[in-house]
PDB file of N, CA and C in Angstrom:
ATOM      1  N   MET A   1      -2.146 -19.005  -9.248  1.00  0.00           N
ATOM      2  CA  MET A   1      -2.965 -18.270  -8.293  1.00  0.00           C
ATOM      3  C   MET A   1      -2.137 -17.129  -7.714  1.00  0.00           C
ATOM      4  N   SER A   2      -2.756 -15.985  -7.508  1.00  0.00           N
ATOM      5  CA  SER A   2      -2.036 -14.849  -6.947  1.00  0.00           C
ATOM      6  C   SER A   2      -2.772 -14.321  -5.723  1.00  0.00           C
ATOM      7  N   ARG A   3      -2.057 -13.506  -4.987  1.00  0.00           N
ATOM      8  CA  ARG A   3      -2.605 -12.896  -3.773  1.00  0.00           C
ATOM      9  C   ARG A   3      -2.537 -11.388  -3.939  1.00  0.00           C
ATOM     10  N   ILE A   4      -3.314 -10.684  -3.174  1.00  0.00           N
ATOM     11  CA  ILE A   4      -3.322  -9.228  -3.209  1.00  0.00           C
ATOM     12  C   ILE A   4      -2.572  -8.732  -1.976  1.00  0.00           C
ATOM     13  N   ARG A   5      -1.555  -7.919  -2.204  1.00  0.00           N
ATOM     14  CA  ARG A   5      -0.744  -7.391  -1.107  1.00  0.00           C
ATOM     15  C   ARG A   5      -0.273  -5.981  -1.436  1.00  0.00           C
ATOM     16  N   HIS A   6       0.168  -5.256  -0.417  1.00  0.00           N
ATOM     17  CA  HIS A   6       0.763  -3.936  -0.596  1.00  0.00           C
ATOM     18  C   HIS A   6       2.259  -4.090  -0.811  1.00  0.00           C
ATOM     19  N   CYS A   7       2.805  -3.283  -1.730  1.00  0.00           N
ATOM     20  CA  CYS A   7       4.237  -3.389  -2.012  1.00  0.00           C
ATOM     21  C   CYS A   7       4.828  -2.022  -2.344  1.00  0.00           C
ATOM     22  N   VAL A   8       6.155  -1.976  -2.290  1.00  0.00           N
ATOM     23  CA  VAL A   8       6.925  -0.819  -2.723  1.00  0.00           C
ATOM     24  C   VAL A   8       7.958  -1.319  -3.729  1.00  0.00           C
ATOM     25  N   GLU A   9       8.489  -0.417  -4.529  1.00  0.00           N
ATOM     26  CA  GLU A   9       9.415  -0.797  -5.585  1.00  0.00           C
ATOM     27  C   GLU A   9      10.716  -0.020  -5.462  1.00  0.00           C
ATOM     28  N   CYS A  10      11.843  -0.710  -5.607  1.00  0.00           N
ATOM     29  CA  CYS A  10      13.135  -0.043  -5.615  1.00  0.00           C
ATOM     30  C   CYS A  10      13.239   0.770  -6.903  1.00  0.00           C
ATOM     31  N   PRO A  11      13.522   2.069  -6.797  1.00  0.00           N
ATOM     32  CA  PRO A  11      13.600   2.890  -8.002  1.00  0.00           C
ATOM     33  C   PRO A  11      14.814   2.565  -8.878  1.00  0.00           C
ATOM     34  N   LYS A  12      15.807   1.874  -8.331  1.00  0.00           N
ATOM     35  CA  LYS A  12      17.009   1.563  -9.104  1.00  0.00           C
ATOM     36  C   LYS A  12      16.881   0.240  -9.857  1.00  0.00           C
ATOM     37  N   CYS A  13      16.579  -0.853  -9.164  1.00  0.00           N
ATOM     38  CA  CYS A  13      16.550  -2.174  -9.804  1.00  0.00           C
ATOM     39  C   CYS A  13      15.135  -2.649 -10.140  1.00  0.00           C
ATOM     40  N   LEU A  14      14.114  -1.923  -9.684  1.00  0.00           N
ATOM     41  CA  LEU A  14      12.700  -2.207  -9.940  1.00  0.00           C
ATOM     42  C   LEU A  14      12.178  -3.475  -9.261  1.00  0.00           C
ATOM     43  N   THR A  15      12.929  -4.014  -8.313  1.00  0.00           N
ATOM     44  CA  THR A  15      12.425  -5.141  -7.518  1.00  0.00           C
ATOM     45  C   THR A  15      11.300  -4.628  -6.644  1.00  0.00           C
ATOM     46  N   ARG A  16      10.240  -5.405  -6.551  1.00  0.00           N
ATOM     47  CA  ARG A  16       9.088  -5.020  -5.733  1.00  0.00           C
ATOM     48  C   ARG A  16       9.073  -5.848  -4.456  1.00  0.00           C
ATOM     49  N   TYR A  17       8.815  -5.169  -3.339  1.00  0.00           N
ATOM     50  CA  TYR A  17       8.879  -5.792  -2.020  1.00  0.00           C
ATOM     51  C   TYR A  17       7.519  -5.737  -1.337  1.00  0.00           C
ATOM     52  N   LEU A  18       7.109  -6.849  -0.750  1.00  0.00           N
ATOM     53  CA  LEU A  18       5.871  -6.908   0.024  1.00  0.00           C
ATOM     54  C   LEU A  18       6.160  -6.353   1.408  1.00  0.00           C
ATOM     55  N   ILE A  19       5.310  -5.475   1.878  1.00  0.00           N
ATOM     56  CA  ILE A  19       5.585  -4.728   3.111  1.00  0.00           C
ATOM     57  C   ILE A  19       5.801  -5.602   4.345  1.00  0.00           C
ATOM     58  N   PRO A  20       4.962  -6.551   4.676  1.00  0.00           N
ATOM     59  CA  PRO A  20       5.147  -7.226   5.968  1.00  0.00           C
ATOM     60  C   PRO A  20       6.239  -8.297   5.999  1.00  0.00           C
ATOM     61  N   PHE A  21       7.016  -8.474   4.915  1.00  0.00           N
ATOM     62  CA  PHE A  21       7.961  -9.582   4.847  1.00  0.00           C
ATOM     63  C   PHE A  21       9.399  -9.201   5.188  1.00  0.00           C
ATOM     64  N   SER A  22       9.665  -7.975   5.563  1.00  0.00           N
ATOM     65  CA  SER A  22      11.020  -7.518   5.857  1.00  0.00           C
ATOM     66  C   SER A  22      11.548  -8.150   7.140  1.00  0.00           C
ATOM     67  N   PRO A  23      12.833  -8.492   7.214  1.00  0.00           N
ATOM     68  CA  PRO A  23      13.875  -8.370   6.190  1.00  0.00           C
ATOM     69  C   PRO A  23      13.735  -9.463   5.129  1.00  0.00           C
ATOM     70  N   TYR A  24      14.303  -9.197   3.954  1.00  0.00           N
ATOM     71  CA  TYR A  24      14.157 -10.088   2.812  1.00  0.00           C
ATOM     72  C   TYR A  24      15.398 -10.949   2.620  1.00  0.00           C
ATOM     73  N   GLY A  25      15.205 -12.089   1.983  1.00  0.00           N
ATOM     74  CA  GLY A  25      16.292 -13.049   1.785  1.00  0.00           C
ATOM     75  C   GLY A  25      17.436 -12.545   0.923  1.00  0.00           C
ATOM     76  N   ASN A  26      17.223 -11.471   0.158  1.00  0.00           N
ATOM     77  CA  ASN A  26      18.287 -10.934  -0.690  1.00  0.00           C
ATOM     78  C   ASN A  26      19.109  -9.862   0.021  1.00  0.00           C
ATOM     79  N   GLY A  27      18.860  -9.644   1.313  1.00  0.00           N
ATOM     80  CA  GLY A  27      19.606  -8.660   2.094  1.00  0.00           C
ATOM     81  C   GLY A  27      18.929  -7.303   2.200  1.00  0.00           C
ATOM     82  N   SER A  28      17.842  -7.101   1.504  1.00  0.00           N
ATOM     83  CA  SER A  28      17.109  -5.833   1.575  1.00  0.00           C
ATOM     84  C   SER A  28      16.219  -5.819   2.810  1.00  0.00           C
ATOM     85  N   TYR A  29      15.832  -4.619   3.224  1.00  0.00           N
ATOM     86  CA  TYR A  29      14.887  -4.513   4.327  1.00  0.00           C
ATOM     87  C   TYR A  29      14.093  -3.226   4.227  1.00  0.00           C
ATOM     88  N   LEU A  30      12.919  -3.241   4.812  1.00  0.00           N
ATOM     89  CA  LEU A  30      11.986  -2.130   4.818  1.00  0.00           C
ATOM     90  C   LEU A  30      11.671  -1.810   6.262  1.00  0.00           C
ATOM     91  N   ILE A  31      11.817  -0.553   6.634  1.00  0.00           N
ATOM     92  CA  ILE A  31      11.525  -0.161   8.018  1.00  0.00           C
ATOM     93  C   ILE A  31      10.543   1.009   8.035  1.00  0.00           C
ATOM     94  N   ARG A  32       9.818   1.116   9.117  1.00  0.00           N
ATOM     95  CA  ARG A  32       8.969   2.283   9.330  1.00  0.00           C
ATOM     96  C   ARG A  32       9.877   3.419   9.760  1.00  0.00           C
ATOM     97  N   THR A  33       9.631   4.611   9.217  1.00  0.00           N
ATOM     98  CA  THR A  33      10.486   5.738   9.591  1.00  0.00           C
ATOM     99  C   THR A  33      10.135   6.273  10.976  1.00  0.00           C
ATOM    100  N   VAL A  34       8.894   6.036  11.407  1.00  0.00           N
ATOM    101  CA  VAL A  34       8.467   6.407  12.754  1.00  0.00           C
ATOM    102  C   VAL A  34       7.959   5.141  13.424  1.00  0.00           C
ATOM    103  N   GLU A  35       8.563   4.760  14.510  1.00  0.00           N
ATOM    104  CA  GLU A  35       8.201   3.519  15.207  1.00  0.00           C
ATOM    105  C   GLU A  35       6.720   3.496  15.552  1.00  0.00           C
ATOM    106  N   GLY A  36       6.056   2.404  15.203  1.00  0.00           N
ATOM    107  CA  GLY A  36       4.653   2.220  15.523  1.00  0.00           C
ATOM    108  C   GLY A  36       3.690   2.914  14.580  1.00  0.00           C
ATOM    109  N   CYS A  37       4.204   3.564  13.547  1.00  0.00           N
ATOM    110  CA  CYS A  37       3.364   4.295  12.599  1.00  0.00           C
ATOM    111  C   CYS A  37       3.611   3.759  11.193  1.00  0.00           C
ATOM    112  N   SER A  38       2.557   3.457  10.459  1.00  0.00           N
ATOM    113  CA  SER A  38       2.725   2.907   9.119  1.00  0.00           C
ATOM    114  C   SER A  38       2.529   3.960   8.032  1.00  0.00           C
ATOM    115  N   ASP A  39       2.734   5.226   8.356  1.00  0.00           N
ATOM    116  CA  ASP A  39       2.546   6.285   7.370  1.00  0.00           C
ATOM    117  C   ASP A  39       3.719   6.428   6.409  1.00  0.00           C
ATOM    118  N   GLU A  40       4.905   5.973   6.798  1.00  0.00           N
ATOM    119  CA  GLU A  40       6.071   6.156   5.942  1.00  0.00           C
ATOM    120  C   GLU A  40       7.067   5.024   6.167  1.00  0.00           C
ATOM    121  N   TYR A  41       7.645   4.547   5.065  1.00  0.00           N
ATOM    122  CA  TYR A  41       8.614   3.455   5.098  1.00  0.00           C
ATOM    123  C   TYR A  41       9.890   3.863   4.380  1.00  0.00           C
ATOM    124  N   ALA A  42      11.010   3.284   4.796  1.00  0.00           N
ATOM    125  CA  ALA A  42      12.286   3.461   4.106  1.00  0.00           C
ATOM    126  C   ALA A  42      12.725   2.085   3.613  1.00  0.00           C
ATOM    127  N   LEU A  43      12.991   1.982   2.305  1.00  0.00           N
ATOM    128  CA  LEU A  43      13.438   0.735   1.704  1.00  0.00           C
ATOM    129  C   LEU A  43      14.934   0.805   1.480  1.00  0.00           C
ATOM    130  N   TYR A  44      15.648  -0.133   2.063  1.00  0.00           N
ATOM    131  CA  TYR A  44      17.080  -0.294   1.841  1.00  0.00           C
ATOM    132  C   TYR A  44      17.241  -1.527   0.966  1.00  0.00           C
ATOM    133  N   CYS A  45      17.429  -1.304  -0.332  1.00  0.00           N
ATOM    134  CA  CYS A  45      17.507  -2.411  -1.285  1.00  0.00           C
ATOM    135  C   CYS A  45      18.947  -2.888  -1.400  1.00  0.00           C
ATOM    136  N   SER A  46      19.119  -4.180  -1.575  1.00  0.00           N
ATOM    137  CA  SER A  46      20.457  -4.770  -1.681  1.00  0.00           C
ATOM    138  C   SER A  46      21.184  -4.344  -2.948  1.00  0.00           C
ATOM    139  N   CYS A  47      20.493  -3.757  -3.925  1.00  0.00           N
ATOM    140  CA  CYS A  47      21.156  -3.309  -5.154  1.00  0.00           C
ATOM    141  C   CYS A  47      21.988  -2.059  -4.918  1.00  0.00           C
ATOM    142  N   ARG A  48      21.724  -1.370  -3.831  1.00  0.00           N
ATOM    143  CA  ARG A  48      22.455  -0.134  -3.521  1.00  0.00           C
ATOM    144  C   ARG A  48      23.565  -0.456  -2.541  1.00  0.00           C
ATOM    145  N   LYS A  49      24.771  -0.093  -2.893  1.00  0.00           N
ATOM    146  CA  LYS A  49      25.927  -0.414  -2.038  1.00  0.00           C
ATOM    147  C   LYS A  49      26.022   0.506  -0.827  1.00  0.00           C
ATOM    148  N   SER A  50      25.511   1.714  -0.945  1.00  0.00           N
ATOM    149  CA  SER A  50      25.564   2.633   0.193  1.00  0.00           C
ATOM    150  C   SER A  50      24.312   2.468   1.042  1.00  0.00           C
ATOM    151  N   ASN A  51      24.192   3.280   2.035  1.00  0.00           N
ATOM    152  CA  ASN A  51      23.016   3.237   2.911  1.00  0.00           C
ATOM    153  C   ASN A  51      21.869   4.079   2.370  1.00  0.00           C
ATOM    154  N   ALA A  52      21.852   4.319   1.056  1.00  0.00           N
ATOM    155  CA  ALA A  52      20.779   5.113   0.455  1.00  0.00           C
ATOM    156  C   ALA A  52      19.463   4.349   0.546  1.00  0.00           C
ATOM    157  N   ALA A  53      18.453   5.051   0.931  1.00  0.00           N
ATOM    158  CA  ALA A  53      17.124   4.442   1.061  1.00  0.00           C
ATOM    159  C   ALA A  53      16.145   5.202   0.184  1.00  0.00           C
ATOM    160  N   SER A  54      15.134   4.499  -0.281  1.00  0.00           N
ATOM    161  CA  SER A  54      14.018   5.174  -0.934  1.00  0.00           C
ATOM    162  C   SER A  54      12.899   5.236   0.104  1.00  0.00           C
ATOM    163  N   VAL A  55      12.239   6.368   0.180  1.00  0.00           N
ATOM    164  CA  VAL A  55      11.203   6.590   1.194  1.00  0.00           C
ATOM    165  C   VAL A  55       9.841   6.544   0.518  1.00  0.00           C
ATOM    166  N   TRP A  56       8.926   5.827   1.160  1.00  0.00           N
ATOM    167  CA  TRP A  56       7.572   5.641   0.643  1.00  0.00           C
ATOM    168  C   TRP A  56       6.555   6.081   1.677  1.00  0.00           C
ATOM    169  N   ARG A  57       5.671   6.964   1.298  1.00  0.00           N
ATOM    170  CA  ARG A  57       4.545   7.335   2.143  1.00  0.00           C
ATOM    171  C   ARG A  57       3.417   6.335   1.876  1.00  0.00           C
ATOM    172  N   TRP A  58       2.515   6.174   2.816  1.00  0.00           N
ATOM    173  CA  TRP A  58       1.462   5.173   2.685  1.00  0.00           C
ATOM    174  C   TRP A  58       0.643   5.384   1.410  1.00  0.00           C
ATOM    175  N   ASN A  59       0.376   6.627   1.031  1.00  0.00           N
ATOM    176  CA  ASN A  59      -0.437   6.864  -0.169  1.00  0.00           C
ATOM    177  C   ASN A  59       0.321   6.562  -1.457  1.00  0.00           C
ATOM    178  N   GLU A  60       1.613   6.242  -1.374  1.00  0.00           N
ATOM    179  CA  GLU A  60       2.404   5.858  -2.542  1.00  0.00           C
ATOM    180  C   GLU A  60       2.570   4.342  -2.660  1.00  0.00           C
ATOM    181  N   VAL A  61       2.196   3.623  -1.623  1.00  0.00           N
ATOM    182  CA  VAL A  61       2.293   2.166  -1.622  1.00  0.00           C
ATOM    183  C   VAL A  61       1.306   1.616  -2.641  1.00  0.00           C
ATOM    184  N   LYS A  62       1.715   0.598  -3.393  1.00  0.00           N
ATOM    185  CA  LYS A  62       0.862   0.030  -4.436  1.00  0.00           C
ATOM    186  C   LYS A  62       0.163  -1.238  -3.951  1.00  0.00           C
ATOM    187  N   THR A  63      -1.073  -1.409  -4.387  1.00  0.00           N
ATOM    188  CA  THR A  63      -1.800  -2.648  -4.159  1.00  0.00           C
ATOM    189  C   THR A  63      -1.544  -3.525  -5.375  1.00  0.00           C
ATOM    190  N   CYS A  64      -1.010  -4.728  -5.135  1.00  0.00           N
ATOM    191  CA  CYS A  64      -0.549  -5.562  -6.242  1.00  0.00           C
ATOM    192  C   CYS A  64      -1.086  -6.982  -6.168  1.00  0.00           C
ATOM    193  N   ALA A  65      -1.158  -7.604  -7.344  1.00  0.00           N
ATOM    194  CA  ALA A  65      -1.405  -9.039  -7.441  1.00  0.00           C
ATOM    195  C   ALA A  65      -0.027  -9.697  -7.411  1.00  0.00           C
ATOM    196  N   VAL A  66       0.133 -10.668  -6.517  1.00  0.00           N
ATOM    197  CA  VAL A  66       1.453 -11.260  -6.276  1.00  0.00           C
ATOM    198  C   VAL A  66       1.426 -12.747  -6.610  1.00  0.00           C
ATOM    199  N   ALA A  67       2.343 -13.177  -7.483  1.00  0.00           N
ATOM    200  CA  ALA A  67       2.466 -14.594  -7.818  1.00  0.00           C
ATOM    201  C   ALA A  67       2.944 -15.365  -6.585  1.00  0.00           C
ATOM    202  N   ASN A  68       2.592 -16.632  -6.503  1.00  0.00           N
ATOM    203  CA  ASN A  68       2.937 -17.444  -5.329  1.00  0.00           C
ATOM    204  C   ASN A  68       4.429 -17.482  -5.043  1.00  0.00           C
ATOM    205  N   ALA A  69       5.266 -17.631  -6.070  1.00  0.00           N
ATOM    206  CA  ALA A  69       6.716 -17.695  -5.848  1.00  0.00           C
ATOM    207  C   ALA A  69       7.233 -16.397  -5.235  1.00  0.00           C
ATOM    208  N   ALA A  70       6.751 -15.256  -5.724  1.00  0.00           N
ATOM    209  CA  ALA A  70       7.164 -13.957  -5.172  1.00  0.00           C
ATOM    210  C   ALA A  70       6.635 -13.798  -3.750  1.00  0.00           C
ATOM    211  N   TYR A  71       5.439 -14.278  -3.499  1.00  0.00           N
ATOM    212  CA  TYR A  71       4.879 -14.212  -2.151  1.00  0.00           C
ATOM    213  C   TYR A  71       5.747 -15.011  -1.176  1.00  0.00           C
ATOM    214  N   ASP A  72       6.174 -16.186  -1.594  1.00  0.00           N
ATOM    215  CA  ASP A  72       7.012 -17.024  -0.735  1.00  0.00           C
ATOM    216  C   ASP A  72       8.340 -16.343  -0.409  1.00  0.00           C
ATOM    217  N   ARG A  73       8.917 -15.592  -1.366  1.00  0.00           N
ATOM    218  CA  ARG A  73      10.174 -14.864  -1.139  1.00  0.00           C
ATOM    219  C   ARG A  73       9.956 -13.559  -0.392  1.00  0.00           C
ATOM    220  N   GLY A  74       8.803 -12.927  -0.627  1.00  0.00           N
ATOM    221  CA  GLY A  74       8.543 -11.604  -0.053  1.00  0.00           C
ATOM    222  C   GLY A  74       8.915 -10.483  -0.998  1.00  0.00           C
ATOM    223  N   TYR A  75       9.410 -10.807  -2.169  1.00  0.00           N
ATOM    224  CA  TYR A  75       9.774  -9.812  -3.175  1.00  0.00           C
ATOM    225  C   TYR A  75       9.782 -10.487  -4.542  1.00  0.00           C
ATOM    226  N   GLY A  76       9.807  -9.671  -5.588  1.00  0.00           N
ATOM    227  CA  GLY A  76       9.820 -10.239  -6.927  1.00  0.00           C
ATOM    228  C   GLY A  76       9.985  -9.199  -8.005  1.00  0.00           C
ATOM    229  N   THR A  77       9.895  -9.673  -9.227  1.00  0.00           N
ATOM    230  CA  THR A  77      10.044  -8.826 -10.403  1.00  0.00           C
ATOM    231  C   THR A  77       8.724  -8.144 -10.730  1.00  0.00           C
ATOM    232  N   PRO A  78       8.762  -7.127 -11.604  1.00  0.00           N
ATOM    233  CA  PRO A  78       7.508  -6.500 -12.029  1.00  0.00           C
ATOM    234  C   PRO A  78       6.556  -7.479 -12.725  1.00  0.00           C
ATOM    235  N   GLU A  79       7.077  -8.542 -13.307  1.00  0.00           N
ATOM    236  CA  GLU A  79       6.221  -9.545 -13.933  1.00  0.00           C
ATOM    237  C   GLU A  79       5.527 -10.426 -12.900  1.00  0.00           C
ATOM    238  N   GLU A  80       6.140 -10.597 -11.729  1.00  0.00           N
ATOM    239  CA  GLU A  80       5.568 -11.424 -10.664  1.00  0.00           C
ATOM    240  C   GLU A  80       4.647 -10.633  -9.732  1.00  0.00           C
ATOM    241  N   ILE A  81       4.918  -9.342  -9.609  1.00  0.00           N
ATOM    242  CA  ILE A  81       4.152  -8.470  -8.705  1.00  0.00           C
ATOM    243  C   ILE A  81       3.625  -7.312  -9.541  1.00  0.00           C
ATOM    244  N   VAL A  82       2.331  -7.340  -9.813  1.00  0.00           N
ATOM    245  CA  VAL A  82       1.716  -6.415 -10.766  1.00  0.00           C
ATOM    246  C   VAL A  82       0.725  -5.501 -10.051  1.00  0.00           C
ATOM    247  N   PRO A  83       0.895  -4.178 -10.179  1.00  0.00           N
ATOM    248  CA  PRO A  83      -0.071  -3.260  -9.567  1.00  0.00           C
ATOM    249  C   PRO A  83      -1.469  -3.491 -10.131  1.00  0.00           C
ATOM    250  N   LEU A  84      -2.464  -3.484  -9.251  1.00  0.00           N
ATOM    251  CA  LEU A  84      -3.843  -3.686  -9.689  1.00  0.00           C
ATOM    252  C   LEU A  84      -4.380  -2.455 -10.401  1.00  0.00           C
ATOM    253  N   ARG A  85      -4.207  -1.315  -9.780  1.00  0.00           N
ATOM    254  CA  ARG A  85      -4.640  -0.038 -10.346  1.00  0.00           C
ATOM    255  C   ARG A  85      -4.127   1.039  -9.423  1.00  0.00           C
ATOM    256  N   ASN A  86      -4.110   2.250  -9.919  1.00  0.00           N
ATOM    257  CA  ASN A  86      -3.721   3.369  -9.057  1.00  0.00           C
ATOM    258  C   ASN A  86      -4.883   3.686  -8.144  1.00  0.00           C
ATOM    259  N   ARG A  87      -4.624   3.687  -6.865  1.00  0.00           N
ATOM    260  CA  ARG A  87      -5.700   4.013  -5.928  1.00  0.00           C
ATOM    261  C   ARG A  87      -5.615   5.495  -5.599  1.00  0.00           C
ATOM    262  N   PRO A  88      -6.745   6.142  -5.443  1.00  0.00           N
ATOM    263  CA  PRO A  88      -6.737   7.564  -5.118  1.00  0.00           C
ATOM    264  C   PRO A  88      -6.030   7.803  -3.786  1.00  0.00           C
ATOM    265  N   GLN A  89      -5.362   8.926  -3.689  1.00  0.00           N
ATOM    266  CA  GLN A  89      -4.688   9.250  -2.435  1.00  0.00           C
ATOM    267  C   GLN A  89      -5.692   9.308  -1.298  1.00  0.00           C
ATOM    268  N   ASP A  90      -5.291   8.750  -0.200  1.00  0.00           N
ATOM    269  CA  ASP A  90      -6.103   8.769   1.016  1.00  0.00           C
ATOM    270  C   ASP A  90      -7.506   8.212   0.813  1.00  0.00           C
ATOM    271  N   SER A  91      -7.667   7.267  -0.115  1.00  0.00           N
ATOM    272  CA  SER A  91      -9.002   6.725  -0.367  1.00  0.00           C
ATOM    273  C   SER A  91      -9.572   6.066   0.877  1.00  0.00           C
ATOM    274  N   TRP A  92      -8.738   5.399   1.649  1.00  0.00           N
ATOM    275  CA  TRP A  92      -9.215   4.735   2.856  1.00  0.00           C
ATOM    276  C   TRP A  92      -9.725   5.762   3.856  1.00  0.00           C
ATOM    277  N   SER A  93      -8.947   6.814   4.096  1.00  0.00           N
ATOM    278  CA  SER A  93      -9.376   7.809   5.076  1.00  0.00           C
ATOM    279  C   SER A  93     -10.614   8.550   4.593  1.00  0.00           C
ATOM    280  N   THR A  94     -10.747   8.759   3.280  1.00  0.00           N
ATOM    281  CA  THR A  94     -11.939   9.396   2.740  1.00  0.00           C
ATOM    282  C   THR A  94     -13.157   8.516   2.978  1.00  0.00           C
ATOM    283  N   ASP A  95     -13.015   7.213   2.739  1.00  0.00           N
ATOM    284  CA  ASP A  95     -14.116   6.293   2.957  1.00  0.00           C
ATOM    285  C   ASP A  95     -14.521   6.254   4.427  1.00  0.00           C
ATOM    286  N   VAL A  96     -13.547   6.270   5.325  1.00  0.00           N
ATOM    287  CA  VAL A  96     -13.833   6.256   6.756  1.00  0.00           C
ATOM    288  C   VAL A  96     -14.563   7.531   7.149  1.00  0.00           C
ATOM    289  N   ALA A  97     -14.093   8.675   6.661  1.00  0.00           N
ATOM    290  CA  ALA A  97     -14.735   9.947   6.992  1.00  0.00           C
ATOM    291  C   ALA A  97     -16.173   9.968   6.472  1.00  0.00           C
ATOM    292  N   ARG A  98     -16.386   9.482   5.259  1.00  0.00           N
ATOM    293  CA  ARG A  98     -17.731   9.452   4.694  1.00  0.00           C
ATOM    294  C   ARG A  98     -18.627   8.544   5.527  1.00  0.00           C
ATOM    295  N   SER A  99     -18.123   7.383   5.916  1.00  0.00           N
ATOM    296  CA  SER A  99     -18.912   6.449   6.714  1.00  0.00           C
ATOM    297  C   SER A  99     -19.270   7.043   8.068  1.00  0.00           C
ATOM    298  N   LEU A 100     -18.328   7.715   8.703  1.00  0.00           N
ATOM    299  CA  LEU A 100     -18.606   8.337  10.004  1.00  0.00           C
ATOM    300  C   LEU A 100     -19.638   9.441   9.869  1.00  0.00           C
ATOM    301  N   ASN A 101     -19.520  10.252   8.814  1.00  0.00           N
ATOM    302  CA  ASN A 101     -20.508  11.312   8.606  1.00  0.00           C
ATOM    303  C   ASN A 101     -21.899  10.730   8.390  1.00  0.00           C
ATOM    304  N   ASN A 102     -21.984   9.657   7.613  1.00  0.00           N
ATOM    305  CA  ASN A 102     -23.282   9.022   7.382  1.00  0.00           C
ATOM    306  C   ASN A 102     -23.845   8.437   8.672  1.00  0.00           C
ATOM    307  N   LEU A 103     -22.996   7.824   9.497  1.00  0.00           N
ATOM    308  CA  LEU A 103     -23.435   7.253  10.765  1.00  0.00           C
ATOM    309  C   LEU A 103     -23.963   8.347  11.693  1.00  0.00           C
ATOM    310  N   ILE A 104     -23.245   9.452  11.776  1.00  0.00           N
ATOM    311  CA  ILE A 104     -23.672  10.570  12.629  1.00  0.00           C
ATOM    312  C   ILE A 104     -25.006  11.122  12.133  1.00  0.00           C
ATOM    313  N   SER A 105     -25.147  11.256  10.806  1.00  0.00           N
ATOM    314  CA  SER A 105     -26.407  11.755  10.239  1.00  0.00           C
ATOM    315  C   SER A 105     -27.563  10.833  10.588  1.00  0.00           C
ATOM    316  N   LYS A 106     -27.345   9.525  10.494  1.00  0.00           N
ATOM    317  CA  LYS A 106     -28.397   8.561  10.811  1.00  0.00           C
ATOM    318  C   LYS A 106     -28.797   8.648  12.279  1.00  0.00           C
ATOM    319  N   GLU A 107     -27.804   8.832  13.164  1.00  0.00           N
ATOM    320  CA  GLU A 107     -28.095   8.932  14.595  1.00  0.00           C
ATOM    321  C   GLU A 107     -28.918  10.178  14.905  1.00  0.00           C
ATOM    322  N   LYS A 108     -28.721  11.230  14.127  1.00  0.00           N
ATOM    323  CA  LYS A 108     -29.467  12.468  14.325  1.00  0.00           C
ATOM    324  C   LYS A 108     -30.815  12.421  13.618  1.00  0.00           C
ATOM    325  N   GLY A 109     -31.063  11.339  12.870  1.00  0.00           N
ATOM    326  CA  GLY A 109     -32.316  11.216  12.147  1.00  0.00           C
ATOM    327  C   GLY A 109     -32.317  11.931  10.816  1.00  0.00           C
ATOM    328  N   GLU A 110     -31.140  12.356  10.361  1.00  0.00           N
ATOM    329  CA  GLU A 110     -31.032  13.051   9.083  1.00  0.00           C
ATOM    330  C   GLU A 110     -30.797  12.045   7.967  1.00  0.00           C
ATOM    331  N   THR A 111     -31.059  12.455   6.755  1.00  0.00           N
ATOM    332  CA  THR A 111     -30.744  11.635   5.592  1.00  0.00           C
ATOM    333  C   THR A 111     -29.299  11.921   5.215  1.00  0.00           C
ATOM    334  N   PRO A 112     -28.448  10.888   5.142  1.00  0.00           N
ATOM    335  CA  PRO A 112     -27.050  11.131   4.797  1.00  0.00           C
ATOM    336  C   PRO A 112     -26.911  11.734   3.409  1.00  0.00           C
ATOM    337  N   ALA A 113     -26.010  12.687   3.294  1.00  0.00           N
ATOM    338  CA  ALA A 113     -25.739  13.311   1.997  1.00  0.00           C
ATOM    339  C   ALA A 113     -24.880  12.381   1.153  1.00  0.00           C
ATOM    340  N   ILE A 114     -25.172  12.349  -0.114  1.00  0.00           N
ATOM    341  CA  ILE A 114     -24.346  11.552  -1.029  1.00  0.00           C
ATOM    342  C   ILE A 114     -23.432  12.525  -1.738  1.00  0.00           C
ATOM    343  N   SER A 115     -22.113  12.311  -1.610  1.00  0.00           N
ATOM    344  CA  SER A 115     -21.170  13.288  -2.107  1.00  0.00           C
ATOM    345  C   SER A 115     -20.914  13.215  -3.595  1.00  0.00           C
ATOM    346  N   SER A 116     -21.099  12.061  -4.205  1.00  0.00           N
ATOM    347  CA  SER A 116     -20.885  11.953  -5.649  1.00  0.00           C
ATOM    348  C   SER A 116     -21.701  10.816  -6.203  1.00  0.00           C
ATOM    349  N   GLY A 117     -21.847  10.784  -7.506  1.00  0.00           N
ATOM    350  CA  GLY A 117     -22.578   9.712  -8.161  1.00  0.00           C
ATOM    351  C   GLY A 117     -21.942   8.359  -7.939  1.00  0.00           C
ATOM    352  N   ALA A 118     -20.636   8.316  -7.645  1.00  0.00           N
ATOM    353  CA  ALA A 118     -19.942   7.046  -7.440  1.00  0.00           C
ATOM    354  C   ALA A 118     -20.435   6.342  -6.178  1.00  0.00           C
ATOM    355  N   ASP A 119     -21.021   7.099  -5.250  1.00  0.00           N
ATOM    356  CA  ASP A 119     -21.483   6.517  -3.997  1.00  0.00           C
ATOM    357  C   ASP A 119     -22.876   5.901  -4.111  1.00  0.00           C
ATOM    358  N   ARG A 120     -23.579   6.203  -5.179  1.00  0.00           N
ATOM    359  CA  ARG A 120     -24.963   5.755  -5.320  1.00  0.00           C
ATOM    360  C   ARG A 120     -25.036   4.325  -5.811  1.00  0.00           C
ATOM    361  N   ILE A 121     -26.010   3.637  -5.328  1.00  0.00           N
ATOM    362  CA  ILE A 121     -26.294   2.286  -5.793  1.00  0.00           C
ATOM    363  C   ILE A 121     -27.619   2.345  -6.519  1.00  0.00           C
ATOM    364  N   ASP A 122     -27.562   2.165  -7.835  1.00  0.00           N
ATOM    365  CA  ASP A 122     -28.793   2.242  -8.645  1.00  0.00           C
ATOM    366  C   ASP A 122     -29.328   0.875  -8.947  1.00  0.00           C
TER     367      ASP A 122
END
């Protein structure tokens, strides 16, 4: 059984880390670059001897299927933590903006505009 979680990957050793589990048992840690904001993270992986960090913006974070053993550790190999698919940049904010526009249109008594065929339910 696997779980769906957001993760980042060390560009050097390819270990994948689940975002909310920092610090990790292998000595690595993930921090927000701006306190209280989840727009950008810095990963300090234990494979790097210096203080070099890889920086991840929220739109670069991957949605992954995570094996139970990797979930228990908070990190794992590419075989244990597998990206589901590439998500479009800012898909969440686009969906929120579309929903708000539709809500405002409904309140005004207008018919909401459909921006693409992907939004239609046939």
